[in-house]
C-alpha atoms as a PDB file:
ATOM      1  CA  VAL A   1      59.506 132.583  99.946  1.00  0.00           C
ATOM      2  CA  GLN A   2      60.863 128.777  99.727  1.00  0.00           C
ATOM      3  CA  LEU A   3      60.627 126.813  96.159  1.00  0.00           C
ATOM      4  CA  GLN A   4      60.328 123.492  95.216  1.00  0.00           C
ATOM      5  CA  ALA A   5      60.051 122.316  92.037  1.00  0.00           C
ATOM      6  CA  SER A   6      58.584 118.605  91.287  1.00  0.00           C
ATOM      7  CA  GLY A   7      57.029 116.725  88.182  1.00  0.00           C
ATOM      8  CA  GLY A   8      60.122 115.763  86.472  1.00  0.00           C
ATOM      9  CA  GLY A   9      60.704 112.306  85.015  1.00  0.00           C
ATOM     10  CA  LEU A  10      62.200 109.559  82.082  1.00  0.00           C
ATOM     11  CA  VAL A  11      60.429 110.474  78.830  1.00  0.00           C
ATOM     12  CA  GLN A  12      60.814 109.612  75.082  1.00  0.00           C
ATOM     13  CA  ALA A  13      61.103 112.018  72.450  1.00  0.00           C
ATOM     14  CA  GLY A  14      57.821 113.775  71.627  1.00  0.00           C
ATOM     15  CA  GLY A  15      56.377 113.022  75.097  1.00  0.00           C
ATOM     16  CA  SER A  16      54.996 116.223  77.951  1.00  0.00           C
ATOM     17  CA  LEU A  17      55.409 116.510  81.086  1.00  0.00           C
ATOM     18  CA  ARG A  18      53.850 119.144  83.319  1.00  0.00           C
ATOM     19  CA  LEU A  19      56.510 120.733  86.272  1.00  0.00           C
ATOM     20  CA  SER A  20      55.115 122.504  89.256  1.00  0.00           C
ATOM     21  CA  CYS A  21      57.160 124.674  91.515  1.00  0.00           C
ATOM     22  CA  GLN A  22      54.916 124.607  94.985  1.00  0.00           C
ATOM     23  CA  ALA A  23      55.947 128.026  96.648  1.00  0.00           C
ATOM     24  CA  SER A  24      55.799 128.393 100.656  1.00  0.00           C
ATOM     25  CA  THR A  25      54.775 132.309 101.161  1.00  0.00           C
ATOM     26  CA  ALA A  26      53.949 132.916 104.867  1.00  0.00           C
ATOM     27  CA  GLY A  27      50.061 133.496 104.144  1.00  0.00           C
ATOM     28  CA  LEU A  28      50.731 135.490 101.274  1.00  0.00           C
ATOM     29  CA  SER A  29      49.710 135.323  97.694  1.00  0.00           C
ATOM     30  CA  LEU A  30      51.960 134.459  94.718  1.00  0.00           C
ATOM     31  CA  ASP A  31      50.984 137.864  93.633  1.00  0.00           C
ATOM     32  CA  TYR A  32      54.026 139.537  95.625  1.00  0.00           C
ATOM     33  CA  TRP A  33      56.785 137.212  92.967  1.00  0.00           C
ATOM     34  CA  ALA A  34      57.508 136.674  89.641  1.00  0.00           C
ATOM     35  CA  ILE A  35      58.448 132.905  89.485  1.00  0.00           C
ATOM     36  CA  ALA A  36      60.895 131.697  86.632  1.00  0.00           C
ATOM     37  CA  TRP A  37      61.611 127.746  85.620  1.00  0.00           C
ATOM     38  CA  PHE A  38      65.577 127.505  84.458  1.00  0.00           C
ATOM     39  CA  ARG A  39      67.389 124.245  83.884  1.00  0.00           C
ATOM     40  CA  GLN A  40      71.143 122.724  84.538  1.00  0.00           C
ATOM     41  CA  VAL A  41      73.099 120.353  82.655  1.00  0.00           C
ATOM     42  CA  PRO A  42      76.533 119.554  83.991  1.00  0.00           C
ATOM     43  CA  GLU A  43      79.499 121.932  83.241  1.00  0.00           C
ATOM     44  CA  LYS A  44      76.871 124.451  81.050  1.00  0.00           C
ATOM     45  CA  GLY A  45      75.155 127.865  83.040  1.00  0.00           C
ATOM     46  CA  ARG A  46      71.377 128.246  83.633  1.00  0.00           C
ATOM     47  CA  GLU A  47      69.527 128.309  80.884  1.00  0.00           C
ATOM     48  CA  GLY A  48      66.324 130.891  81.827  1.00  0.00           C
ATOM     49  CA  LEU A  49      63.223 129.401  80.438  1.00  0.00           C
ATOM     50  CA  ALA A  50      60.072 130.806  81.208  1.00  0.00           C
ATOM     51  CA  CYS A  51      58.664 133.500  83.767  1.00  0.00           C
ATOM     52  CA  ILE A  52      55.615 134.425  84.900  1.00  0.00           C
ATOM     53  CA  SER A  53      54.885 137.836  86.505  1.00  0.00           C
ATOM     54  CA  ALA A  54      53.767 138.429  89.568  1.00  0.00           C
ATOM     55  CA  SER A  55      50.253 139.863  88.120  1.00  0.00           C
ATOM     56  CA  GLY A  56      49.987 136.771  85.995  1.00  0.00           C
ATOM     57  CA  THR A  57      48.935 138.246  82.617  1.00  0.00           C
ATOM     58  CA  VAL A  58      52.447 138.528  81.289  1.00  0.00           C
ATOM     59  CA  THR A  59      54.727 135.689  80.441  1.00  0.00           C
ATOM     60  CA  GLU A  60      58.382 135.185  78.955  1.00  0.00           C
ATOM     61  CA  TYR A  61      60.478 132.878  77.548  1.00  0.00           C
ATOM     62  CA  ALA A  62      63.513 131.331  75.665  1.00  0.00           C
ATOM     63  CA  ASP A  63      63.830 130.896  72.610  1.00  0.00           C
ATOM     64  CA  SER A  64      64.966 127.449  72.507  1.00  0.00           C
ATOM     65  CA  VAL A  65      60.998 126.294  74.121  1.00  0.00           C
ATOM     66  CA  LYS A  66      58.995 129.126  72.668  1.00  0.00           C
ATOM     67  CA  GLY A  67      55.710 127.360  71.686  1.00  0.00           C
ATOM     68  CA  ARG A  68      56.474 123.905  73.348  1.00  0.00           C
ATOM     69  CA  PHE A  69      56.288 125.672  76.971  1.00  0.00           C
ATOM     70  CA  THR A  70      53.732 127.056  78.886  1.00  0.00           C
ATOM     71  CA  ILE A  71      54.116 128.509  82.291  1.00  0.00           C
ATOM     72  CA  SER A  72      51.029 129.114  83.767  1.00  0.00           C
ATOM     73  CA  LYS A  73      50.167 129.976  88.012  1.00  0.00           C
ATOM     74  CA  ASP A  74      47.498 129.173  90.376  1.00  0.00           C
ATOM     75  CA  ASN A  75      47.788 131.481  93.734  1.00  0.00           C
ATOM     76  CA  GLY A  76      44.945 129.493  94.944  1.00  0.00           C
ATOM     77  CA  SER A  77      47.580 126.912  95.705  1.00  0.00           C
ATOM     78  CA  ASN A  78      50.647 129.308  94.783  1.00  0.00           C
ATOM     79  CA  THR A  79      52.091 126.597  92.321  1.00  0.00           C
ATOM     80  CA  VAL A  80      53.668 128.081  89.194  1.00  0.00           C
ATOM     81  CA  TYR A  81      53.435 124.888  86.883  1.00  0.00           C
ATOM     82  CA  LEU A  82      55.486 124.456  84.008  1.00  0.00           C
ATOM     83  CA  GLN A  83      53.795 122.051  80.938  1.00  0.00           C
ATOM     84  CA  MET A  84      56.274 121.254  78.573  1.00  0.00           C
ATOM     85  CA  ASN A  85      55.464 119.492  75.352  1.00  0.00           C
ATOM     86  CA  SER A  86      57.533 118.222  72.155  1.00  0.00           C
ATOM     87  CA  LEU A  87      60.030 117.175  74.278  1.00  0.00           C
ATOM     88  CA  LYS A  88      63.753 116.880  72.850  1.00  0.00           C
ATOM     89  CA  PRO A  89      66.959 114.595  74.034  1.00  0.00           C
ATOM     90  CA  GLU A  90      67.833 118.137  74.480  1.00  0.00           C
ATOM     91  CA  ASP A  91      65.044 119.256  76.643  1.00  0.00           C
ATOM     92  CA  THR A  92      67.310 116.763  79.098  1.00  0.00           C
ATOM     93  CA  ALA A  93      68.825 118.591  82.320  1.00  0.00           C
ATOM     94  CA  GLU A  94      67.634 119.506  86.102  1.00  0.00           C
ATOM     95  CA  TYR A  95      64.873 122.043  86.328  1.00  0.00           C
ATOM     96  CA  PHE A  96      64.934 124.848  89.027  1.00  0.00           C
ATOM     97  CA  CYS A  97      61.972 127.614  89.514  1.00  0.00           C
ATOM     98  CA  ALA A  98      63.660 130.845  91.337  1.00  0.00           C
ATOM     99  CA  ALA A  99      62.103 133.242  92.399  1.00  0.00           C
ATOM    100  CA  VAL A 100      62.102 137.995  92.728  1.00  0.00           C
ATOM    101  CA  THR A 101      60.989 139.512  94.684  1.00  0.00           C
ATOM    102  CA  THR A 102      58.500 143.152  92.940  1.00  0.00           C
ATOM    103  CA  SER A 103      55.672 145.376  93.795  1.00  0.00           C
ATOM    104  CA  PRO A 104      52.148 143.586  94.179  1.00  0.00           C
ATOM    105  CA  ARG A 105      50.314 142.691  90.731  1.00  0.00           C
ATOM    106  CA  SER A 106      53.852 143.664  88.908  1.00  0.00           C
ATOM    107  CA  ASN A 107      54.497 142.263  85.258  1.00  0.00           C
ATOM    108  CA  TYR A 108      58.175 142.279  85.538  1.00  0.00           C
ATOM    109  CA  VAL A 109      59.163 138.947  83.852  1.00  0.00           C
ATOM    110  CA  PHE A 110      62.942 137.901  83.607  1.00  0.00           C
ATOM    111  CA  LEU A 111      64.863 134.647  82.326  1.00  0.00           C
ATOM    112  CA  ARG A 112      69.150 135.819  83.863  1.00  0.00           C
ATOM    113  CA  ASP A 113      70.075 133.749  86.550  1.00  0.00           C
ATOM    114  CA  TYR A 114      71.585 136.564  88.860  1.00  0.00           C
ATOM    115  CA  GLY A 115      69.287 138.546  90.778  1.00  0.00           C
ATOM    116  CA  ILE A 116      67.501 135.873  92.441  1.00  0.00           C
ATOM    117  CA  ASP A 117      65.839 136.134  95.769  1.00  0.00           C
ATOM    118  CA  SER A 118      65.492 132.401  96.441  1.00  0.00           C
ATOM    119  CA  TRP A 119      65.612 129.303  94.765  1.00  0.00           C
ATOM    120  CA  GLY A 120      63.675 125.417  94.640  1.00  0.00           C
ATOM    121  CA  GLU A 121      65.899 122.553  94.653  1.00  0.00           C
ATOM    122  CA  GLY A 122      66.039 121.267  91.069  1.00  0.00           C
ATOM    123  CA  THR A 123      63.312 118.020  89.629  1.00  0.00           C
ATOM    124  CA  LEU A 124      65.692 116.016  86.999  1.00  0.00           C
ATOM    125  CA  VAL A 125      63.520 115.977  83.220  1.00  0.00           C
ATOM    126  CA  THR A 126      65.331 112.899  81.426  1.00  0.00           C
ATOM    127  CA  VAL A 127      64.128 112.780  77.485  1.00  0.00           C
ATOM    128  CA  SER A 128      65.206 109.568  76.253  1.00  0.00           C
ATOM    129  CA  SER A 129      65.556 109.107  72.011  1.00  0.00           C
END
């Protein structure tokens, strides 16, 4: 699977953005991958933020974004979204999506940044105070 993130930009604190992760899956649906969003700031490691299972029925969130960010997916367009509300300056980072291959329609979710099958190019989010 190949991933491409988009939707980043400049937003004021308290505002919202929606990121998209477009998956190229060689004709397969997203039923075969769990997809997660990560972010990274310079000189820090990647932080796992949110994940949606291949089944689409299980999600997991980091405490830092729980209640503010929502992950969802559209199997028809092979796209995973990250709706980000109530943005804070500390949310400023480069955001990436990542995929782990699973059994079809698995409920597996992940937020760790190792053992990843595919990383997408990042999209920059800047939140001004």
